[in-house]
Amino acid sequence: MAPQTYEQFIADALQEGRQLGVQEGRQQTRTMLRRLIERRFGPLGADDRSHLDAIDDPDALDGVAERLFDAPSVAALLDAARSGDEDA
């Protein structure tokens, strides 16, 4: 019985580590996006910062990155993520 408990402990620890890694990766992505957005458009307003920080879906973050250089404004850039329209 002890090995099963040990195996479950290891499995749980690995899962928790993976989840933390994913969260850290998303935060790093948001930080880089914020820097690039601010370089292109100037400082973000509080609402836009909050919205960017709230994006948790990796596909939505990728969509923001893909639209960064084509979007005419921060609002247009983030509106597609707000609406879930990744092709905008």
C-alpha atoms as a PDB file:
ATOM      1  CA  MET A   1       0.000   0.000   0.000  1.00  0.00           C
ATOM      2  CA  ALA A   2       2.837   2.415   0.718  1.00  0.00           C
ATOM      3  CA  PRO A   3       4.102   2.457  -2.910  1.00  0.00           C
ATOM      4  CA  GLN A   4       0.616   3.341  -4.169  1.00  0.00           C
ATOM      5  CA  THR A   5       0.422   6.255  -1.713  1.00  0.00           C
ATOM      6  CA  TYR A   6       3.906   7.360  -2.760  1.00  0.00           C
ATOM      7  CA  GLU A   7       2.972   7.048  -6.443  1.00  0.00           C
ATOM      8  CA  GLN A   8      -0.184   9.089  -5.886  1.00  0.00           C
ATOM      9  CA  PHE A   9       1.843  11.729  -4.019  1.00  0.00           C
ATOM     10  CA  ILE A  10       4.282  11.958  -6.929  1.00  0.00           C
ATOM     11  CA  ALA A  11       1.456  12.083  -9.486  1.00  0.00           C
ATOM     12  CA  ASP A  12      -0.279  14.870  -7.552  1.00  0.00           C
ATOM     13  CA  ALA A  13       2.969  16.821  -7.183  1.00  0.00           C
ATOM     14  CA  LEU A  14       3.685  16.524 -10.908  1.00  0.00           C
ATOM     15  CA  GLN A  15       0.176  17.690 -11.804  1.00  0.00           C
ATOM     16  CA  GLU A  16       0.459  20.675  -9.478  1.00  0.00           C
ATOM     17  CA  GLY A  17       3.851  21.536 -10.987  1.00  0.00           C
ATOM     18  CA  ARG A  18       2.428  21.379 -14.493  1.00  0.00           C
ATOM     19  CA  GLN A  19      -0.455  23.662 -13.544  1.00  0.00           C
ATOM     20  CA  LEU A  20       1.914  26.190 -11.972  1.00  0.00           C
ATOM     21  CA  GLY A  21       4.121  26.089 -15.056  1.00  0.00           C
ATOM     22  CA  VAL A  22       1.161  26.753 -17.333  1.00  0.00           C
ATOM     23  CA  GLN A  23       0.040  29.670 -15.164  1.00  0.00           C
ATOM     24  CA  GLU A  24       3.548  31.152 -15.124  1.00  0.00           C
ATOM     25  CA  GLY A  25       3.829  30.754 -18.897  1.00  0.00           C
ATOM     26  CA  ARG A  26       0.551  32.582 -19.453  1.00  0.00           C
ATOM     27  CA  GLN A  27       1.647  35.384 -17.128  1.00  0.00           C
ATOM     28  CA  GLN A  28       4.928  35.733 -19.019  1.00  0.00           C
ATOM     29  CA  THR A  29       2.989  35.843 -22.291  1.00  0.00           C
ATOM     30  CA  ARG A  30       0.697  38.577 -20.937  1.00  0.00           C
ATOM     31  CA  THR A  31       3.706  40.557 -19.693  1.00  0.00           C
ATOM     32  CA  MET A  32       5.415  40.373 -23.085  1.00  0.00           C
ATOM     33  CA  LEU A  33       2.186  41.294 -24.888  1.00  0.00           C
ATOM     34  CA  ARG A  34       1.688  44.272 -22.573  1.00  0.00           C
ATOM     35  CA  ARG A  35       5.209  45.509 -23.336  1.00  0.00           C
ATOM     36  CA  LEU A  36       4.713  45.132 -27.092  1.00  0.00           C
ATOM     37  CA  ILE A  37       1.260  46.743 -27.035  1.00  0.00           C
ATOM     38  CA  GLU A  38       2.588  49.686 -25.031  1.00  0.00           C
ATOM     39  CA  ARG A  39       5.533  50.047 -27.377  1.00  0.00           C
ATOM     40  CA  ARG A  40       3.149  50.276 -30.329  1.00  0.00           C
ATOM     41  CA  PHE A  41       0.232  52.227 -28.840  1.00  0.00           C
ATOM     42  CA  GLY A  42       1.576  53.864 -25.667  1.00  0.00           C
ATOM     43  CA  PRO A  43       0.641  53.143 -22.051  1.00  0.00           C
ATOM     44  CA  LEU A  44      -2.432  50.979 -21.527  1.00  0.00           C
ATOM     45  CA  GLY A  45      -5.365  52.325 -19.597  1.00  0.00           C
ATOM     46  CA  ALA A  46      -6.516  50.544 -16.465  1.00  0.00           C
ATOM     47  CA  ASP A  47      -9.446  48.857 -18.257  1.00  0.00           C
ATOM     48  CA  ASP A  48      -7.228  47.514 -21.026  1.00  0.00           C
ATOM     49  CA  ARG A  49      -4.624  46.285 -18.519  1.00  0.00           C
ATOM     50  CA  SER A  50      -7.348  44.528 -16.548  1.00  0.00           C
ATOM     51  CA  HIS A  51      -8.766  42.936 -19.666  1.00  0.00           C
ATOM     52  CA  LEU A  52      -5.366  41.698 -20.848  1.00  0.00           C
ATOM     53  CA  ASP A  53      -4.662  40.283 -17.376  1.00  0.00           C
ATOM     54  CA  ALA A  54      -8.000  38.452 -17.445  1.00  0.00           C
ATOM     55  CA  ILE A  55      -7.272  36.587 -20.691  1.00  0.00           C
ATOM     56  CA  ASP A  56      -6.525  33.027 -19.637  1.00  0.00           C
ATOM     57  CA  ASP A  57      -7.198  31.138 -22.855  1.00  0.00           C
ATOM     58  CA  PRO A  58      -3.929  30.394 -24.702  1.00  0.00           C
ATOM     59  CA  ASP A  59      -5.678  30.699 -28.080  1.00  0.00           C
ATOM     60  CA  ALA A  60      -6.988  34.150 -27.157  1.00  0.00           C
ATOM     61  CA  LEU A  61      -3.483  35.257 -26.104  1.00  0.00           C
ATOM     62  CA  ASP A  62      -2.100  33.938 -29.397  1.00  0.00           C
ATOM     63  CA  GLY A  63      -4.818  35.825 -31.237  1.00  0.00           C
ATOM     64  CA  VAL A  64      -3.826  39.087 -29.553  1.00  0.00           C
ATOM     65  CA  ALA A  65      -0.202  38.489 -30.549  1.00  0.00           C
ATOM     66  CA  GLU A  66      -1.168  37.713 -34.144  1.00  0.00           C
ATOM     67  CA  ARG A  67      -3.284  40.879 -34.468  1.00  0.00           C
ATOM     68  CA  LEU A  68      -0.820  43.189 -32.710  1.00  0.00           C
ATOM     69  CA  PHE A  69       0.771  44.724 -35.783  1.00  0.00           C
ATOM     70  CA  ASP A  70      -2.416  44.938 -37.865  1.00  0.00           C
ATOM     71  CA  ALA A  71      -4.833  46.347 -35.308  1.00  0.00           C
ATOM     72  CA  PRO A  72      -5.517  50.075 -35.665  1.00  0.00           C
ATOM     73  CA  SER A  73      -5.939  50.577 -31.901  1.00  0.00           C
ATOM     74  CA  VAL A  74      -5.722  48.856 -28.534  1.00  0.00           C
ATOM     75  CA  ALA A  75      -9.513  48.704 -28.446  1.00  0.00           C
ATOM     76  CA  ALA A  76      -9.640  46.870 -31.773  1.00  0.00           C
ATOM     77  CA  LEU A  77      -6.849  44.568 -30.657  1.00  0.00           C
ATOM     78  CA  LEU A  78      -8.535  43.555 -27.421  1.00  0.00           C
ATOM     79  CA  ASP A  79     -12.146  43.681 -28.665  1.00  0.00           C
ATOM     80  CA  ALA A  80     -11.612  40.523 -30.714  1.00  0.00           C
ATOM     81  CA  ALA A  81     -10.365  38.733 -27.589  1.00  0.00           C
ATOM     82  CA  ARG A  82     -13.347  40.058 -25.643  1.00  0.00           C
ATOM     83  CA  SER A  83     -15.774  38.722 -28.221  1.00  0.00           C
ATOM     84  CA  GLY A  84     -13.871  35.471 -28.725  1.00  0.00           C
ATOM     85  CA  ASP A  85     -13.408  36.211 -32.432  1.00  0.00           C
ATOM     86  CA  GLU A  86      -9.918  34.991 -33.212  1.00  0.00           C
ATOM     87  CA  ASP A  87     -10.207  35.792 -36.923  1.00  0.00           C
ATOM     88  CA  ALA A  88     -10.831  39.508 -36.460  1.00  0.00           C
END
